[in-house]
Amino acid sequence: MPRKRKGEENEEREEMVLISLYVPKSTLEKIDEMVRQGMFKSRSEFIREAIEEYLEDLEEEPEPIIDFFENLE
């Protein structure tokens, strides 16, 4: 059964899948500070929202981002 966040009992939720990832310590410290300040409920919420926003940006303007990643090779 997919997890539901508090206050979302009536909203349909997509199933959540657990992933693990490595991030630089300095990045995690920045995320933790935003969580402490109440900007996000958790690290997971921050990462979910960051990914969603990034995907939306890709849908709107994919070319510059694709060019960036092609130049890394």
PDB file of N, CA and C in Angstrom:
ATOM      1  N   MET A   1       0.864  -1.192   0.000  1.00  0.00           N
ATOM      2  CA  MET A   1       0.000   0.000   0.000  1.00  0.00           C
ATOM      3  C   MET A   1       0.895   1.234   0.000  1.00  0.00           C
ATOM      4  N   PRO A   2       0.658   2.186  -0.896  1.00  0.00           N
ATOM      5  CA  PRO A   2       1.468   3.412  -0.915  1.00  0.00           C
ATOM      6  C   PRO A   2       1.312   4.200   0.374  1.00  0.00           C
ATOM      7  N   ARG A   3       2.407   4.813   0.778  1.00  0.00           N
ATOM      8  CA  ARG A   3       2.357   5.667   1.967  1.00  0.00           C
ATOM      9  C   ARG A   3       1.637   6.960   1.635  1.00  0.00           C
ATOM     10  N   LYS A   4       0.930   7.487   2.613  1.00  0.00           N
ATOM     11  CA  LYS A   4       0.289   8.779   2.457  1.00  0.00           C
ATOM     12  C   LYS A   4       0.816   9.710   3.513  1.00  0.00           C
ATOM     13  N   ARG A   5       1.120  10.919   3.088  1.00  0.00           N
ATOM     14  CA  ARG A   5       1.568  11.919   4.051  1.00  0.00           C
ATOM     15  C   ARG A   5       0.367  12.470   4.792  1.00  0.00           C
ATOM     16  N   LYS A   6       0.608  12.963   5.984  1.00  0.00           N
ATOM     17  CA  LYS A   6      -0.442  13.550   6.801  1.00  0.00           C
ATOM     18  C   LYS A   6      -1.170  14.627   5.994  1.00  0.00           C
ATOM     19  N   GLY A   7      -2.478  14.589   6.017  1.00  0.00           N
ATOM     20  CA  GLY A   7      -3.270  15.580   5.301  1.00  0.00           C
ATOM     21  C   GLY A   7      -3.581  15.177   3.869  1.00  0.00           C
ATOM     22  N   GLU A   8      -3.104  14.010   3.444  1.00  0.00           N
ATOM     23  CA  GLU A   8      -3.350  13.573   2.076  1.00  0.00           C
ATOM     24  C   GLU A   8      -4.237  12.339   2.024  1.00  0.00           C
ATOM     25  N   GLU A   9      -4.975  12.081   3.065  1.00  0.00           N
ATOM     26  CA  GLU A   9      -5.781  10.883   3.134  1.00  0.00           C
ATOM     27  C   GLU A   9      -6.774  10.785   1.978  1.00  0.00           C
ATOM     28  N   ASN A  10      -7.298  11.908   1.528  1.00  0.00           N
ATOM     29  CA  ASN A  10      -8.303  11.898   0.476  1.00  0.00           C
ATOM     30  C   ASN A  10      -7.710  12.051  -0.914  1.00  0.00           C
ATOM     31  N   GLU A  11      -6.423  12.332  -1.000  1.00  0.00           N
ATOM     32  CA  GLU A  11      -5.777  12.488  -2.291  1.00  0.00           C
ATOM     33  C   GLU A  11      -5.236  11.142  -2.753  1.00  0.00           C
ATOM     34  N   GLU A  12      -5.370  10.888  -4.056  1.00  0.00           N
ATOM     35  CA  GLU A  12      -4.789   9.668  -4.602  1.00  0.00           C
ATOM     36  C   GLU A  12      -3.287   9.857  -4.724  1.00  0.00           C
ATOM     37  N   ARG A  13      -2.515   8.879  -4.249  1.00  0.00           N
ATOM     38  CA  ARG A  13      -1.059   8.992  -4.231  1.00  0.00           C
ATOM     39  C   ARG A  13      -0.449   7.920  -5.109  1.00  0.00           C
ATOM     40  N   GLU A  14       0.621   8.305  -5.758  1.00  0.00           N
ATOM     41  CA  GLU A  14       1.397   7.340  -6.514  1.00  0.00           C
ATOM     42  C   GLU A  14       2.243   6.525  -5.531  1.00  0.00           C
ATOM     43  N   GLU A  15       2.454   5.264  -5.842  1.00  0.00           N
ATOM     44  CA  GLU A  15       3.266   4.410  -4.978  1.00  0.00           C
ATOM     45  C   GLU A  15       4.676   4.966  -4.860  1.00  0.00           C
ATOM     46  N   MET A  16       5.214   4.957  -3.653  1.00  0.00           N
ATOM     47  CA  MET A  16       6.578   5.417  -3.391  1.00  0.00           C
ATOM     48  C   MET A  16       7.515   4.223  -3.416  1.00  0.00           C
ATOM     49  N   VAL A  17       8.710   4.441  -3.959  1.00  0.00           N
ATOM     50  CA  VAL A  17       9.732   3.412  -4.022  1.00  0.00           C
ATOM     51  C   VAL A  17      10.980   3.960  -3.350  1.00  0.00           C
ATOM     52  N   LEU A  18      11.585   3.168  -2.495  1.00  0.00           N
ATOM     53  CA  LEU A  18      12.785   3.576  -1.775  1.00  0.00           C
ATOM     54  C   LEU A  18      14.011   3.448  -2.673  1.00  0.00           C
ATOM     55  N   ILE A  19      14.821   4.515  -2.716  1.00  0.00           N
ATOM     56  CA  ILE A  19      16.098   4.472  -3.421  1.00  0.00           C
ATOM     57  C   ILE A  19      17.176   4.974  -2.468  1.00  0.00           C
ATOM     58  N   SER A  20      18.403   4.627  -2.763  1.00  0.00           N
ATOM     59  CA  SER A  20      19.536   5.133  -1.986  1.00  0.00           C
ATOM     60  C   SER A  20      20.426   5.912  -2.928  1.00  0.00           C
ATOM     61  N   LEU A  21      21.013   6.982  -2.434  1.00  0.00           N
ATOM     62  CA  LEU A  21      21.916   7.755  -3.266  1.00  0.00           C
ATOM     63  C   LEU A  21      22.982   8.406  -2.413  1.00  0.00           C
ATOM     64  N   TYR A  22      24.097   8.691  -3.056  1.00  0.00           N
ATOM     65  CA  TYR A  22      25.193   9.387  -2.399  1.00  0.00           C
ATOM     66  C   TYR A  22      25.163  10.845  -2.817  1.00  0.00           C
ATOM     67  N   VAL A  23      25.328  11.738  -1.862  1.00  0.00           N
ATOM     68  CA  VAL A  23      25.446  13.170  -2.146  1.00  0.00           C
ATOM     69  C   VAL A  23      26.628  13.707  -1.354  1.00  0.00           C
ATOM     70  N   PRO A  24      27.243  14.773  -1.841  1.00  0.00           N
ATOM     71  CA  PRO A  24      28.334  15.364  -1.067  1.00  0.00           C
ATOM     72  C   PRO A  24      27.829  15.811   0.311  1.00  0.00           C
ATOM     73  N   LYS A  25      28.696  15.687   1.294  1.00  0.00           N
ATOM     74  CA  LYS A  25      28.336  16.058   2.668  1.00  0.00           C
ATOM     75  C   LYS A  25      27.850  17.507   2.731  1.00  0.00           C
ATOM     76  N   SER A  26      28.500  18.398   1.988  1.00  0.00           N
ATOM     77  CA  SER A  26      28.105  19.810   2.014  1.00  0.00           C
ATOM     78  C   SER A  26      26.685  20.004   1.481  1.00  0.00           C
ATOM     79  N   THR A  27      26.299  19.193   0.488  1.00  0.00           N
ATOM     80  CA  THR A  27      24.936  19.264  -0.044  1.00  0.00           C
ATOM     81  C   THR A  27      23.937  18.807   1.000  1.00  0.00           C
ATOM     82  N   LEU A  28      24.256  17.712   1.667  1.00  0.00           N
ATOM     83  CA  LEU A  28      23.356  17.199   2.700  1.00  0.00           C
ATOM     84  C   LEU A  28      23.211  18.193   3.847  1.00  0.00           C
ATOM     85  N   GLU A  29      24.283  18.864   4.203  1.00  0.00           N
ATOM     86  CA  GLU A  29      24.214  19.872   5.264  1.00  0.00           C
ATOM     87  C   GLU A  29      23.277  21.008   4.870  1.00  0.00           C
ATOM     88  N   LYS A  30      23.303  21.414   3.601  1.00  0.00           N
ATOM     89  CA  LYS A  30      22.392  22.472   3.130  1.00  0.00           C
ATOM     90  C   LYS A  30      20.945  21.999   3.196  1.00  0.00           C
ATOM     91  N   ILE A  31      20.703  20.753   2.778  1.00  0.00           N
ATOM     92  CA  ILE A  31      19.347  20.201   2.829  1.00  0.00           C
ATOM     93  C   ILE A  31      18.870  20.130   4.275  1.00  0.00           C
ATOM     94  N   ASP A  32      19.723  19.626   5.153  1.00  0.00           N
ATOM     95  CA  ASP A  32      19.356  19.517   6.566  1.00  0.00           C
ATOM     96  C   ASP A  32      19.026  20.874   7.175  1.00  0.00           C
ATOM     97  N   GLU A  33      19.758  21.893   6.785  1.00  0.00           N
ATOM     98  CA  GLU A  33      19.484  23.240   7.306  1.00  0.00           C
ATOM     99  C   GLU A  33      18.100  23.716   6.867  1.00  0.00           C
ATOM    100  N   MET A  34      17.734  23.450   5.607  1.00  0.00           N
ATOM    101  CA  MET A  34      16.404  23.843   5.128  1.00  0.00           C
ATOM    102  C   MET A  34      15.311  23.072   5.854  1.00  0.00           C
ATOM    103  N   VAL A  35      15.572  21.819   6.167  1.00  0.00           N
ATOM    104  CA  VAL A  35      14.610  21.026   6.941  1.00  0.00           C
ATOM    105  C   VAL A  35      14.485  21.602   8.345  1.00  0.00           C
ATOM    106  N   ARG A  36      15.607  21.925   8.979  1.00  0.00           N
ATOM    107  CA  ARG A  36      15.575  22.516  10.324  1.00  0.00           C
ATOM    108  C   ARG A  36      14.789  23.826  10.339  1.00  0.00           C
ATOM    109  N   GLN A  37      14.921  24.602   9.272  1.00  0.00           N
ATOM    110  CA  GLN A  37      14.222  25.885   9.195  1.00  0.00           C
ATOM    111  C   GLN A  37      12.744  25.722   8.861  1.00  0.00           C
ATOM    112  N   GLY A  38      12.313  24.493   8.612  1.00  0.00           N
ATOM    113  CA  GLY A  38      10.906  24.236   8.325  1.00  0.00           C
ATOM    114  C   GLY A  38      10.515  24.448   6.883  1.00  0.00           C
ATOM    115  N   MET A  39      11.488  24.631   6.007  1.00  0.00           N
ATOM    116  CA  MET A  39      11.184  24.824   4.592  1.00  0.00           C
ATOM    117  C   MET A  39      10.682  23.523   3.956  1.00  0.00           C
ATOM    118  N   PHE A  40      11.119  22.395   4.498  1.00  0.00           N
ATOM    119  CA  PHE A  40      10.699  21.071   4.049  1.00  0.00           C
ATOM    120  C   PHE A  40      10.488  20.206   5.289  1.00  0.00           C
ATOM    121  N   LYS A  41       9.618  19.217   5.155  1.00  0.00           N
ATOM    122  CA  LYS A  41       9.336  18.339   6.296  1.00  0.00           C
ATOM    123  C   LYS A  41      10.461  17.335   6.528  1.00  0.00           C
ATOM    124  N   SER A  42      11.180  16.999   5.459  1.00  0.00           N
ATOM    125  CA  SER A  42      12.212  15.968   5.573  1.00  0.00           C
ATOM    126  C   SER A  42      13.171  16.058   4.394  1.00  0.00           C
ATOM    127  N   ARG A  43      14.270  15.326   4.514  1.00  0.00           N
ATOM    128  CA  ARG A  43      15.199  15.214   3.391  1.00  0.00           C
ATOM    129  C   ARG A  43      14.482  14.638   2.179  1.00  0.00           C
ATOM    130  N   SER A  44      13.687  13.625   2.414  1.00  0.00           N
ATOM    131  CA  SER A  44      12.971  12.977   1.313  1.00  0.00           C
ATOM    132  C   SER A  44      12.061  13.954   0.586  1.00  0.00           C
ATOM    133  N   GLU A  45      11.346  14.776   1.340  1.00  0.00           N
ATOM    134  CA  GLU A  45      10.462  15.749   0.702  1.00  0.00           C
ATOM    135  C   GLU A  45      11.269  16.714  -0.159  1.00  0.00           C
ATOM    136  N   PHE A  46      12.405  17.180   0.352  1.00  0.00           N
ATOM    137  CA  PHE A  46      13.252  18.080  -0.423  1.00  0.00           C
ATOM    138  C   PHE A  46      13.690  17.417  -1.731  1.00  0.00           C
ATOM    139  N   ILE A  47      14.186  16.195  -1.638  1.00  0.00           N
ATOM    140  CA  ILE A  47      14.702  15.502  -2.822  1.00  0.00           C
ATOM    141  C   ILE A  47      13.581  15.220  -3.819  1.00  0.00           C
ATOM    142  N   ARG A  48      12.408  14.782  -3.334  1.00  0.00           N
ATOM    143  CA  ARG A  48      11.266  14.548  -4.238  1.00  0.00           C
ATOM    144  C   ARG A  48      10.900  15.824  -4.990  1.00  0.00           C
ATOM    145  N   GLU A  49      10.791  16.938  -4.261  1.00  0.00           N
ATOM    146  CA  GLU A  49      10.407  18.199  -4.896  1.00  0.00           C
ATOM    147  C   GLU A  49      11.479  18.685  -5.867  1.00  0.00           C
ATOM    148  N   ALA A  50      12.762  18.502  -5.519  1.00  0.00           N
ATOM    149  CA  ALA A  50      13.842  18.917  -6.409  1.00  0.00           C
ATOM    150  C   ALA A  50      13.807  18.107  -7.705  1.00  0.00           C
ATOM    151  N   ILE A  51      13.593  16.807  -7.597  1.00  0.00           N
ATOM    152  CA  ILE A  51      13.520  15.962  -8.788  1.00  0.00           C
ATOM    153  C   ILE A  51      12.333  16.351  -9.653  1.00  0.00           C
ATOM    154  N   GLU A  52      11.173  16.538  -9.034  1.00  0.00           N
ATOM    155  CA  GLU A  52       9.980  16.920  -9.803  1.00  0.00           C
ATOM    156  C   GLU A  52      10.193  18.241 -10.539  1.00  0.00           C
ATOM    157  N   GLU A  53      10.776  19.217  -9.861  1.00  0.00           N
ATOM    158  CA  GLU A  53      11.026  20.508 -10.492  1.00  0.00           C
ATOM    159  C   GLU A  53      12.017  20.371 -11.652  1.00  0.00           C
ATOM    160  N   TYR A  54      13.046  19.573 -11.453  1.00  0.00           N
ATOM    161  CA  TYR A  54      14.034  19.349 -12.504  1.00  0.00           C
ATOM    162  C   TYR A  54      13.387  18.690 -13.718  1.00  0.00           C
ATOM    163  N   LEU A  55      12.531  17.692 -13.486  1.00  0.00           N
ATOM    164  CA  LEU A  55      11.844  17.027 -14.587  1.00  0.00           C
ATOM    165  C   LEU A  55      10.919  17.981 -15.324  1.00  0.00           C
ATOM    166  N   GLU A  56      10.235  18.855 -14.604  1.00  0.00           N
ATOM    167  CA  GLU A  56       9.383  19.858 -15.243  1.00  0.00           C
ATOM    168  C   GLU A  56      10.214  20.798 -16.115  1.00  0.00           C
ATOM    169  N   ASP A  57      11.387  21.207 -15.605  1.00  0.00           N
ATOM    170  CA  ASP A  57      12.282  22.066 -16.384  1.00  0.00           C
ATOM    171  C   ASP A  57      12.734  21.367 -17.655  1.00  0.00           C
ATOM    172  N   LEU A  58      13.027  20.074 -17.577  1.00  0.00           N
ATOM    173  CA  LEU A  58      13.436  19.310 -18.752  1.00  0.00           C
ATOM    174  C   LEU A  58      12.331  19.262 -19.795  1.00  0.00           C
ATOM    175  N   GLU A  59      11.097  19.095 -19.328  1.00  0.00           N
ATOM    176  CA  GLU A  59       9.969  19.046 -20.258  1.00  0.00           C
ATOM    177  C   GLU A  59       9.775  20.380 -20.969  1.00  0.00           C
ATOM    178  N   GLU A  60      10.021  21.469 -20.265  1.00  0.00           N
ATOM    179  CA  GLU A  60       9.834  22.800 -20.842  1.00  0.00           C
ATOM    180  C   GLU A  60      10.952  23.190 -21.801  1.00  0.00           C
ATOM    181  N   GLU A  61      12.189  22.834 -21.469  1.00  0.00           N
ATOM    182  CA  GLU A  61      13.324  23.267 -22.270  1.00  0.00           C
ATOM    183  C   GLU A  61      14.436  22.217 -22.223  1.00  0.00           C
ATOM    184  N   PRO A  62      14.259  21.107 -22.967  1.00  0.00           N
ATOM    185  CA  PRO A  62      15.211  20.006 -22.857  1.00  0.00           C
ATOM    186  C   PRO A  62      16.567  20.230 -23.531  1.00  0.00           C
ATOM    187  N   GLU A  63      16.631  21.025 -24.569  1.00  0.00           N
ATOM    188  CA  GLU A  63      17.864  21.136 -25.350  1.00  0.00           C
ATOM    189  C   GLU A  63      19.102  21.568 -24.563  1.00  0.00           C
ATOM    190  N   PRO A  64      19.083  22.676 -23.815  1.00  0.00           N
ATOM    191  CA  PRO A  64      20.317  23.078 -23.109  1.00  0.00           C
ATOM    192  C   PRO A  64      20.799  22.031 -22.115  1.00  0.00           C
ATOM    193  N   ILE A  65      19.889  21.349 -21.466  1.00  0.00           N
ATOM    194  CA  ILE A  65      20.272  20.353 -20.479  1.00  0.00           C
ATOM    195  C   ILE A  65      20.849  19.130 -21.170  1.00  0.00           C
ATOM    196  N   ILE A  66      20.249  18.709 -22.280  1.00  0.00           N
ATOM    197  CA  ILE A  66      20.779  17.573 -23.032  1.00  0.00           C
ATOM    198  C   ILE A  66      22.177  17.914 -23.549  1.00  0.00           C
ATOM    199  N   ASP A  67      22.363  19.116 -24.088  1.00  0.00           N
ATOM    200  CA  ASP A  67      23.681  19.539 -24.569  1.00  0.00           C
ATOM    201  C   ASP A  67      24.701  19.485 -23.444  1.00  0.00           C
ATOM    202  N   PHE A  68      24.322  19.918 -22.258  1.00  0.00           N
ATOM    203  CA  PHE A  68      25.235  19.901 -21.115  1.00  0.00           C
ATOM    204  C   PHE A  68      25.730  18.482 -20.841  1.00  0.00           C
ATOM    205  N   PHE A  69      24.812  17.528 -20.779  1.00  0.00           N
ATOM    206  CA  PHE A  69      25.198  16.163 -20.458  1.00  0.00           C
ATOM    207  C   PHE A  69      25.999  15.516 -21.600  1.00  0.00           C
ATOM    208  N   GLU A  70      25.695  15.854 -22.839  1.00  0.00           N
ATOM    209  CA  GLU A  70      26.478  15.328 -23.958  1.00  0.00           C
ATOM    210  C   GLU A  70      27.914  15.842 -23.910  1.00  0.00           C
ATOM    211  N   ASN A  71      28.127  17.056 -23.442  1.00  0.00           N
ATOM    212  CA  ASN A  71      29.463  17.628 -23.367  1.00  0.00           C
ATOM    213  C   ASN A  71      30.290  17.025 -22.234  1.00  0.00           C
ATOM    214  N   LEU A  72      29.668  16.312 -21.314  1.00  0.00           N
ATOM    215  CA  LEU A  72      30.392  15.691 -20.217  1.00  0.00           C
ATOM    216  C   LEU A  72      31.146  14.433 -20.672  1.00  0.00           C
ATOM    217  N   GLU A  73      30.708  13.860 -21.760  1.00  0.00           N
ATOM    218  CA  GLU A  73      31.334  12.610 -22.224  1.00  0.00           C
ATOM    219  C   GLU A  73      32.708  12.820 -22.768  1.00  0.00           C
TER     220      GLU A  73
END
